[in-house]
Amino acid sequence: MSRHWWSSRDQDGACTQSCAKSVTGLPIESLGFVAAAVGRVIDDGHGGHDVEPAAGGIAPVTATPQADPQSAHRNYSGVWLSRYEYFSSGRDSSYTGQHYVVVLQHGGRLTARSLPGSSDSPLTMDLEVDGHVATGTWTEQTATEGYYRGARYHGAIQLLVEPTGRRMTGKWVGFGKEFDVNTGPWELVFQDASTNKATLEAYSRRPA
C-alpha cells in the first residue's frame, strides 16, 4: 500500500507506463498493480492527491453499525483480501494494490501479514479494534524489481467494520516525497476462517 504517497514518489521519477515496462521488462499490471478508473482523484494543490471511492472501485460501508454487545468478542482471525487505491502522478492514473493477508487476533489487537505469492510487495498491518472501528498502521516494502524499486512506505489507516464482521472499509493516509500527505480508500474482505498451513498455501497466490 505503500501507498499512495505513491503519487508523489512518481514526481521524482516521472516515469510513464511505457518507461516502467522498459525498465522492468514487465507490464505494470504484472507487478501487482491494477489500473483503476481515472476521474475521482482530487489534487490538494500541494502535491498530494486524495482518491475518493467511486462506482466500480472500493465501496463504502453498506450499513450503519449499531450497538452490538457481541462485537467485542468477535473473532477476526483468518484470511482476508486487502485492497487499496492510490493515484500515480507519474503515470497519470489510479491503481489498486491487492494482497491476501492472514489476520491474527489477540484480544482487541489485529496483526495482518501478506501471504507469500499474493504480491511482490510484502504488506503488514497492525490494528486496534474498538467496537465497529479498527485503527492502526500499515507498512509496505515495495518490490525491488518493481516500479518503486524497493522503497518502503508506511502510514495510518482507519476502517469501519460492517455489522456482518466480514468486511472492513475506510481510508489510508500516507506521506509523499514532496512533503505532502495523500489519502485513498482501503478495504479488507473476509475469505476464510482457517489459518492452517493448507489454507495459507492455497491463498499464497495473486488475487484474481
C-alpha atoms as a PDB file:
ATOM      1  CA  MET A   1       0.000   0.000   0.000  1.00  0.00           C
ATOM      2  CA  SER A   2       2.836   1.568   0.287  1.00  0.00           C
ATOM      3  CA  ARG A   3       0.507   3.765  -0.884  1.00  0.00           C
ATOM      4  CA  HIS A   4      -0.426   6.459  -2.145  1.00  0.00           C
ATOM      5  CA  TRP A   5       2.204   8.624  -1.422  1.00  0.00           C
ATOM      6  CA  TRP A   6       2.973   6.929  -4.468  1.00  0.00           C
ATOM      7  CA  SER A   7       1.522   9.843  -6.199  1.00  0.00           C
ATOM      8  CA  SER A   8       4.409  11.995  -5.028  1.00  0.00           C
ATOM      9  CA  ARG A   9       7.006   9.352  -5.421  1.00  0.00           C
ATOM     10  CA  ASP A  10       6.272   9.403  -9.086  1.00  0.00           C
ATOM     11  CA  GLN A  11       7.024  13.098  -9.367  1.00  0.00           C
ATOM     12  CA  ASP A  12      10.694  12.423  -8.746  1.00  0.00           C
ATOM     13  CA  GLY A  13      10.953   9.818 -11.406  1.00  0.00           C
ATOM     14  CA  ALA A  14       8.046  10.904 -13.611  1.00  0.00           C
ATOM     15  CA  CYS A  15       8.096   7.615 -15.449  1.00  0.00           C
ATOM     16  CA  THR A  16       5.241   6.592 -17.730  1.00  0.00           C
ATOM     17  CA  GLN A  17       3.810   3.099 -18.073  1.00  0.00           C
ATOM     18  CA  SER A  18       5.979   2.527 -21.135  1.00  0.00           C
ATOM     19  CA  CYS A  19       9.036   3.602 -19.160  1.00  0.00           C
ATOM     20  CA  ALA A  20       8.198   1.235 -16.327  1.00  0.00           C
ATOM     21  CA  LYS A  21       7.783  -1.582 -18.799  1.00  0.00           C
ATOM     22  CA  SER A  22      11.096  -0.810 -20.475  1.00  0.00           C
ATOM     23  CA  VAL A  23      12.916  -0.757 -17.143  1.00  0.00           C
ATOM     24  CA  THR A  24      11.415  -3.930 -15.665  1.00  0.00           C
ATOM     25  CA  GLY A  25      10.568  -5.787 -18.857  1.00  0.00           C
ATOM     26  CA  LEU A  26       7.079  -6.378 -17.473  1.00  0.00           C
ATOM     27  CA  PRO A  27       3.718  -4.638 -17.901  1.00  0.00           C
ATOM     28  CA  ILE A  28       2.755  -2.616 -14.831  1.00  0.00           C
ATOM     29  CA  GLU A  29      -0.223  -4.911 -14.112  1.00  0.00           C
ATOM     30  CA  SER A  30       2.133  -7.869 -13.624  1.00  0.00           C
ATOM     31  CA  LEU A  31       3.943  -6.003 -10.841  1.00  0.00           C
ATOM     32  CA  GLY A  32       0.966  -6.253  -8.509  1.00  0.00           C
ATOM     33  CA  PHE A  33      -0.791  -3.038  -9.503  1.00  0.00           C
ATOM     34  CA  VAL A  34      -4.139  -2.968 -11.277  1.00  0.00           C
ATOM     35  CA  ALA A  35      -5.153   0.128 -13.192  1.00  0.00           C
ATOM     36  CA  ALA A  36      -8.348   1.676 -11.851  1.00  0.00           C
ATOM     37  CA  ALA A  37     -10.744   4.194 -13.334  1.00  0.00           C
ATOM     38  CA  VAL A  38      -9.470   7.772 -13.510  1.00  0.00           C
ATOM     39  CA  GLY A  39     -11.668  10.763 -12.689  1.00  0.00           C
ATOM     40  CA  ARG A  40     -12.086  10.587  -8.904  1.00  0.00           C
ATOM     41  CA  VAL A  41      -8.696  11.958  -7.883  1.00  0.00           C
ATOM     42  CA  ILE A  42      -8.578  15.262  -6.007  1.00  0.00           C
ATOM     43  CA  ASP A  43      -5.380  17.306  -6.204  1.00  0.00           C
ATOM     44  CA  ASP A  44      -4.907  19.129  -2.899  1.00  0.00           C
ATOM     45  CA  GLY A  45      -2.841  21.852  -4.541  1.00  0.00           C
ATOM     46  CA  HIS A  46       0.268  20.990  -2.548  1.00  0.00           C
ATOM     47  CA  GLY A  47       1.496  17.931  -4.397  1.00  0.00           C
ATOM     48  CA  GLY A  48      -0.791  15.448  -2.621  1.00  0.00           C
ATOM     49  CA  HIS A  49      -3.697  13.502  -4.067  1.00  0.00           C
ATOM     50  CA  ASP A  50      -6.856  12.142  -2.439  1.00  0.00           C
ATOM     51  CA  VAL A  51      -8.553   9.189  -4.126  1.00  0.00           C
ATOM     52  CA  GLU A  52     -12.293   9.095  -3.469  1.00  0.00           C
ATOM     53  CA  PRO A  53     -14.453   5.926  -3.682  1.00  0.00           C
ATOM     54  CA  ALA A  54     -16.414   5.561  -6.911  1.00  0.00           C
ATOM     55  CA  ALA A  55     -18.596   3.063  -8.751  1.00  0.00           C
ATOM     56  CA  GLY A  56     -16.549   0.040  -9.721  1.00  0.00           C
ATOM     57  CA  GLY A  57     -13.978   0.656  -7.015  1.00  0.00           C
ATOM     58  CA  ILE A  58     -13.897   0.112  -3.259  1.00  0.00           C
ATOM     59  CA  ALA A  59     -17.437   0.665  -1.986  1.00  0.00           C
ATOM     60  CA  PRO A  60     -18.225   2.396   1.331  1.00  0.00           C
ATOM     61  CA  VAL A  61     -19.803   0.607   4.292  1.00  0.00           C
ATOM     62  CA  THR A  62     -23.188  -0.764   3.233  1.00  0.00           C
ATOM     63  CA  ALA A  63     -24.958  -0.387   6.591  1.00  0.00           C
ATOM     64  CA  THR A  64     -24.823   1.855   9.633  1.00  0.00           C
ATOM     65  CA  PRO A  65     -23.208  -0.013  12.543  1.00  0.00           C
ATOM     66  CA  GLN A  66     -25.479  -0.492  15.541  1.00  0.00           C
ATOM     67  CA  ALA A  67     -24.545  -1.248  19.117  1.00  0.00           C
ATOM     68  CA  ASP A  68     -23.553  -4.907  19.173  1.00  0.00           C
ATOM     69  CA  PRO A  69     -22.502  -6.432  22.507  1.00  0.00           C
ATOM     70  CA  GLN A  70     -21.006  -9.375  20.626  1.00  0.00           C
ATOM     71  CA  SER A  71     -18.657  -7.202  18.555  1.00  0.00           C
ATOM     72  CA  ALA A  72     -16.156  -7.042  21.394  1.00  0.00           C
ATOM     73  CA  HIS A  73     -15.901 -10.837  21.311  1.00  0.00           C
ATOM     74  CA  ARG A  74     -15.902 -11.294  17.541  1.00  0.00           C
ATOM     75  CA  ASN A  75     -13.042 -13.300  16.078  1.00  0.00           C
ATOM     76  CA  TYR A  76     -11.468 -11.726  13.003  1.00  0.00           C
ATOM     77  CA  SER A  77      -8.662 -14.261  12.592  1.00  0.00           C
ATOM     78  CA  GLY A  78      -8.390 -15.812   9.148  1.00  0.00           C
ATOM     79  CA  VAL A  79      -7.506 -14.952   5.576  1.00  0.00           C
ATOM     80  CA  TRP A  80      -8.698 -11.612   4.182  1.00  0.00           C
ATOM     81  CA  LEU A  81      -8.369  -9.865   0.839  1.00  0.00           C
ATOM     82  CA  SER A  82      -6.754  -6.439   1.219  1.00  0.00           C
ATOM     83  CA  ARG A  83      -7.427  -3.818  -1.475  1.00  0.00           C
ATOM     84  CA  TYR A  84      -6.432  -0.168  -1.558  1.00  0.00           C
ATOM     85  CA  GLU A  85      -6.442   2.510  -4.247  1.00  0.00           C
ATOM     86  CA  TYR A  86      -3.935   5.255  -4.976  1.00  0.00           C
ATOM     87  CA  PHE A  87      -3.101   7.793  -7.665  1.00  0.00           C
ATOM     88  CA  SER A  88       0.209   7.670  -9.545  1.00  0.00           C
ATOM     89  CA  SER A  89       1.057  11.119 -10.881  1.00  0.00           C
ATOM     90  CA  GLY A  90       3.969   9.781 -12.916  1.00  0.00           C
ATOM     91  CA  ARG A  91       1.571   7.526 -14.829  1.00  0.00           C
ATOM     92  CA  ASP A  92      -1.406   9.876 -14.518  1.00  0.00           C
ATOM     93  CA  SER A  93      -3.669   7.042 -13.430  1.00  0.00           C
ATOM     94  CA  SER A  94      -5.264   5.399 -10.391  1.00  0.00           C
ATOM     95  CA  TYR A  95      -4.251   1.899  -9.339  1.00  0.00           C
ATOM     96  CA  THR A  96      -5.392  -0.832  -6.968  1.00  0.00           C
ATOM     97  CA  GLY A  97      -2.960  -2.755  -4.756  1.00  0.00           C
ATOM     98  CA  GLN A  98      -4.140  -6.219  -3.709  1.00  0.00           C
ATOM     99  CA  HIS A  99      -2.839  -8.798  -1.221  1.00  0.00           C
ATOM    100  CA  TYR A 100      -4.176 -11.836   0.561  1.00  0.00           C
ATOM    101  CA  VAL A 101      -3.327 -11.334   4.238  1.00  0.00           C
ATOM    102  CA  VAL A 102      -3.519 -13.605   7.248  1.00  0.00           C
ATOM    103  CA  VAL A 103      -5.070 -11.862  10.252  1.00  0.00           C
ATOM    104  CA  LEU A 104      -4.335 -12.996  13.798  1.00  0.00           C
ATOM    105  CA  GLN A 105      -6.266 -11.600  16.756  1.00  0.00           C
ATOM    106  CA  HIS A 106      -5.006 -11.074  20.290  1.00  0.00           C
ATOM    107  CA  GLY A 107      -7.801  -9.523  22.335  1.00  0.00           C
ATOM    108  CA  GLY A 108      -8.694  -6.290  20.565  1.00  0.00           C
ATOM    109  CA  ARG A 109      -5.490  -6.210  18.531  1.00  0.00           C
ATOM    110  CA  LEU A 110      -5.184  -7.492  14.981  1.00  0.00           C
ATOM    111  CA  THR A 111      -1.985  -8.194  13.076  1.00  0.00           C
ATOM    112  CA  ALA A 112      -2.140  -8.734   9.332  1.00  0.00           C
ATOM    113  CA  ARG A 113       0.686 -10.046   7.163  1.00  0.00           C
ATOM    114  CA  SER A 114       0.524 -10.601   3.418  1.00  0.00           C
ATOM    115  CA  LEU A 115       0.946 -14.161   2.190  1.00  0.00           C
ATOM    116  CA  PRO A 116       3.965 -15.038   0.040  1.00  0.00           C
ATOM    117  CA  GLY A 117       2.940 -15.201  -3.576  1.00  0.00           C
ATOM    118  CA  SER A 118      -0.016 -12.823  -3.244  1.00  0.00           C
ATOM    119  CA  SER A 119       2.209  -9.852  -4.167  1.00  0.00           C
ATOM    120  CA  ASP A 120       5.856  -8.962  -4.722  1.00  0.00           C
ATOM    121  CA  SER A 121       5.455  -6.144  -2.168  1.00  0.00           C
ATOM    122  CA  PRO A 122       5.066  -7.519   1.391  1.00  0.00           C
ATOM    123  CA  LEU A 123       2.395  -5.735   3.436  1.00  0.00           C
ATOM    124  CA  THR A 124       1.893  -5.595   7.207  1.00  0.00           C
ATOM    125  CA  MET A 125      -0.879  -4.001   9.253  1.00  0.00           C
ATOM    126  CA  ASP A 126      -1.347  -3.529  12.992  1.00  0.00           C
ATOM    127  CA  LEU A 127      -4.865  -2.603  14.087  1.00  0.00           C
ATOM    128  CA  GLU A 128      -6.760  -1.986  17.316  1.00  0.00           C
ATOM    129  CA  VAL A 129     -10.477  -2.778  17.200  1.00  0.00           C
ATOM    130  CA  ASP A 130     -12.848  -0.666  19.304  1.00  0.00           C
ATOM    131  CA  GLY A 131     -16.456  -1.643  18.642  1.00  0.00           C
ATOM    132  CA  HIS A 132     -17.003  -1.225  14.902  1.00  0.00           C
ATOM    133  CA  VAL A 133     -13.849   0.824  14.301  1.00  0.00           C
ATOM    134  CA  ALA A 134     -10.393  -0.536  13.510  1.00  0.00           C
ATOM    135  CA  THR A 135      -7.499   1.931  13.725  1.00  0.00           C
ATOM    136  CA  GLY A 136      -3.820   1.390  13.160  1.00  0.00           C
ATOM    137  CA  THR A 137      -0.829   1.497  10.843  1.00  0.00           C
ATOM    138  CA  TRP A 138       0.365  -0.190   7.676  1.00  0.00           C
ATOM    139  CA  THR A 139       3.789  -0.770   6.113  1.00  0.00           C
ATOM    140  CA  GLU A 140       4.649  -1.979   2.623  1.00  0.00           C
ATOM    141  CA  GLN A 141       8.047  -2.927   1.246  1.00  0.00           C
ATOM    142  CA  THR A 142       7.748  -2.463  -2.493  1.00  0.00           C
ATOM    143  CA  ALA A 143       9.256  -4.964  -4.906  1.00  0.00           C
ATOM    144  CA  THR A 144      12.927  -4.457  -5.694  1.00  0.00           C
ATOM    145  CA  GLU A 145      12.303  -5.009  -9.394  1.00  0.00           C
ATOM    146  CA  GLY A 146       9.017  -3.097  -9.406  1.00  0.00           C
ATOM    147  CA  TYR A 147       8.084   0.457 -10.295  1.00  0.00           C
ATOM    148  CA  TYR A 148       9.072   1.795  -6.857  1.00  0.00           C
ATOM    149  CA  ARG A 149      12.404  -0.048  -6.740  1.00  0.00           C
ATOM    150  CA  GLY A 150      12.147  -1.498  -3.239  1.00  0.00           C
ATOM    151  CA  ALA A 151      11.134   1.708  -1.440  1.00  0.00           C
ATOM    152  CA  ARG A 152       9.487   1.230   1.972  1.00  0.00           C
ATOM    153  CA  TYR A 153       6.298   3.172   2.715  1.00  0.00           C
ATOM    154  CA  HIS A 154       4.077   3.367   5.769  1.00  0.00           C
ATOM    155  CA  GLY A 155       1.176   5.327   7.185  1.00  0.00           C
ATOM    156  CA  ALA A 156      -2.058   5.245   9.155  1.00  0.00           C
ATOM    157  CA  ILE A 157      -5.373   3.550   8.446  1.00  0.00           C
ATOM    158  CA  GLN A 158      -8.893   3.588   9.884  1.00  0.00           C
ATOM    159  CA  LEU A 159     -11.596   1.122   8.885  1.00  0.00           C
ATOM    160  CA  LEU A 160     -15.272   0.694   9.760  1.00  0.00           C
ATOM    161  CA  VAL A 161     -16.355  -2.882  10.402  1.00  0.00           C
ATOM    162  CA  GLU A 162     -19.635  -3.839   8.749  1.00  0.00           C
ATOM    163  CA  PRO A 163     -22.251  -5.463  11.032  1.00  0.00           C
ATOM    164  CA  THR A 164     -21.560  -8.856   9.463  1.00  0.00           C
ATOM    165  CA  GLY A 165     -17.932  -8.651  10.608  1.00  0.00           C
ATOM    166  CA  ARG A 166     -16.883  -9.881   7.167  1.00  0.00           C
ATOM    167  CA  ARG A 167     -15.831  -6.596   5.597  1.00  0.00           C
ATOM    168  CA  MET A 168     -13.947  -3.529   6.774  1.00  0.00           C
ATOM    169  CA  THR A 169     -13.679  -0.374   4.716  1.00  0.00           C
ATOM    170  CA  GLY A 170     -12.176   3.050   5.256  1.00  0.00           C
ATOM    171  CA  LYS A 171      -9.149   5.116   4.294  1.00  0.00           C
ATOM    172  CA  TRP A 172      -5.385   5.101   4.446  1.00  0.00           C
ATOM    173  CA  VAL A 173      -3.155   8.139   4.971  1.00  0.00           C
ATOM    174  CA  GLY A 174       0.415   8.232   3.689  1.00  0.00           C
ATOM    175  CA  PHE A 175       3.268  10.630   3.040  1.00  0.00           C
ATOM    176  CA  GLY A 176       4.782  11.645  -0.284  1.00  0.00           C
ATOM    177  CA  LYS A 177       8.238  12.618  -1.411  1.00  0.00           C
ATOM    178  CA  GLU A 178       7.303  16.277  -1.772  1.00  0.00           C
ATOM    179  CA  PHE A 179       6.414  16.664   1.916  1.00  0.00           C
ATOM    180  CA  ASP A 180       2.726  16.057   1.240  1.00  0.00           C
ATOM    181  CA  VAL A 181       0.089  13.712   2.601  1.00  0.00           C
ATOM    182  CA  ASN A 182      -2.183  11.588   0.412  1.00  0.00           C
ATOM    183  CA  THR A 183      -5.275   9.504   1.112  1.00  0.00           C
ATOM    184  CA  GLY A 184      -7.349   6.812  -0.544  1.00  0.00           C
ATOM    185  CA  PRO A 185      -9.892   4.041   0.085  1.00  0.00           C
ATOM    186  CA  TRP A 186      -8.937   0.679   1.619  1.00  0.00           C
ATOM    187  CA  GLU A 187     -10.953  -2.432   2.344  1.00  0.00           C
ATOM    188  CA  LEU A 188     -10.476  -5.844   3.909  1.00  0.00           C
ATOM    189  CA  VAL A 189     -12.838  -8.605   2.773  1.00  0.00           C
ATOM    190  CA  PHE A 190     -13.062 -11.882   4.697  1.00  0.00           C
ATOM    191  CA  GLN A 191     -12.127 -15.034   2.758  1.00  0.00           C
ATOM    192  CA  ASP A 192     -11.560 -17.982   5.127  1.00  0.00           C
ATOM    193  CA  ALA A 193     -11.567 -18.521   8.916  1.00  0.00           C
ATOM    194  CA  SER A 194      -8.846 -21.163   8.756  1.00  0.00           C
ATOM    195  CA  THR A 195      -5.201 -20.271   9.292  1.00  0.00           C
ATOM    196  CA  ASN A 196      -3.778 -23.772   8.885  1.00  0.00           C
ATOM    197  CA  LYS A 197      -0.888 -24.487   6.542  1.00  0.00           C
ATOM    198  CA  ALA A 198      -3.024 -25.861   3.715  1.00  0.00           C
ATOM    199  CA  THR A 199      -5.295 -22.791   3.699  1.00  0.00           C
ATOM    200  CA  LEU A 200      -2.413 -20.329   3.755  1.00  0.00           C
ATOM    201  CA  GLU A 201      -0.731 -22.155   0.888  1.00  0.00           C
ATOM    202  CA  ALA A 202      -3.974 -22.046  -1.092  1.00  0.00           C
ATOM    203  CA  TYR A 203      -4.091 -18.236  -0.771  1.00  0.00           C
ATOM    204  CA  SER A 204      -0.402 -17.728  -1.486  1.00  0.00           C
ATOM    205  CA  ARG A 205      -1.278 -16.533  -4.966  1.00  0.00           C
ATOM    206  CA  ARG A 206      -2.174 -13.274  -6.632  1.00  0.00           C
ATOM    207  CA  PRO A 207      -5.794 -12.173  -6.143  1.00  0.00           C
ATOM    208  CA  ALA A 208      -7.897 -12.520  -9.269  1.00  0.00           C
END
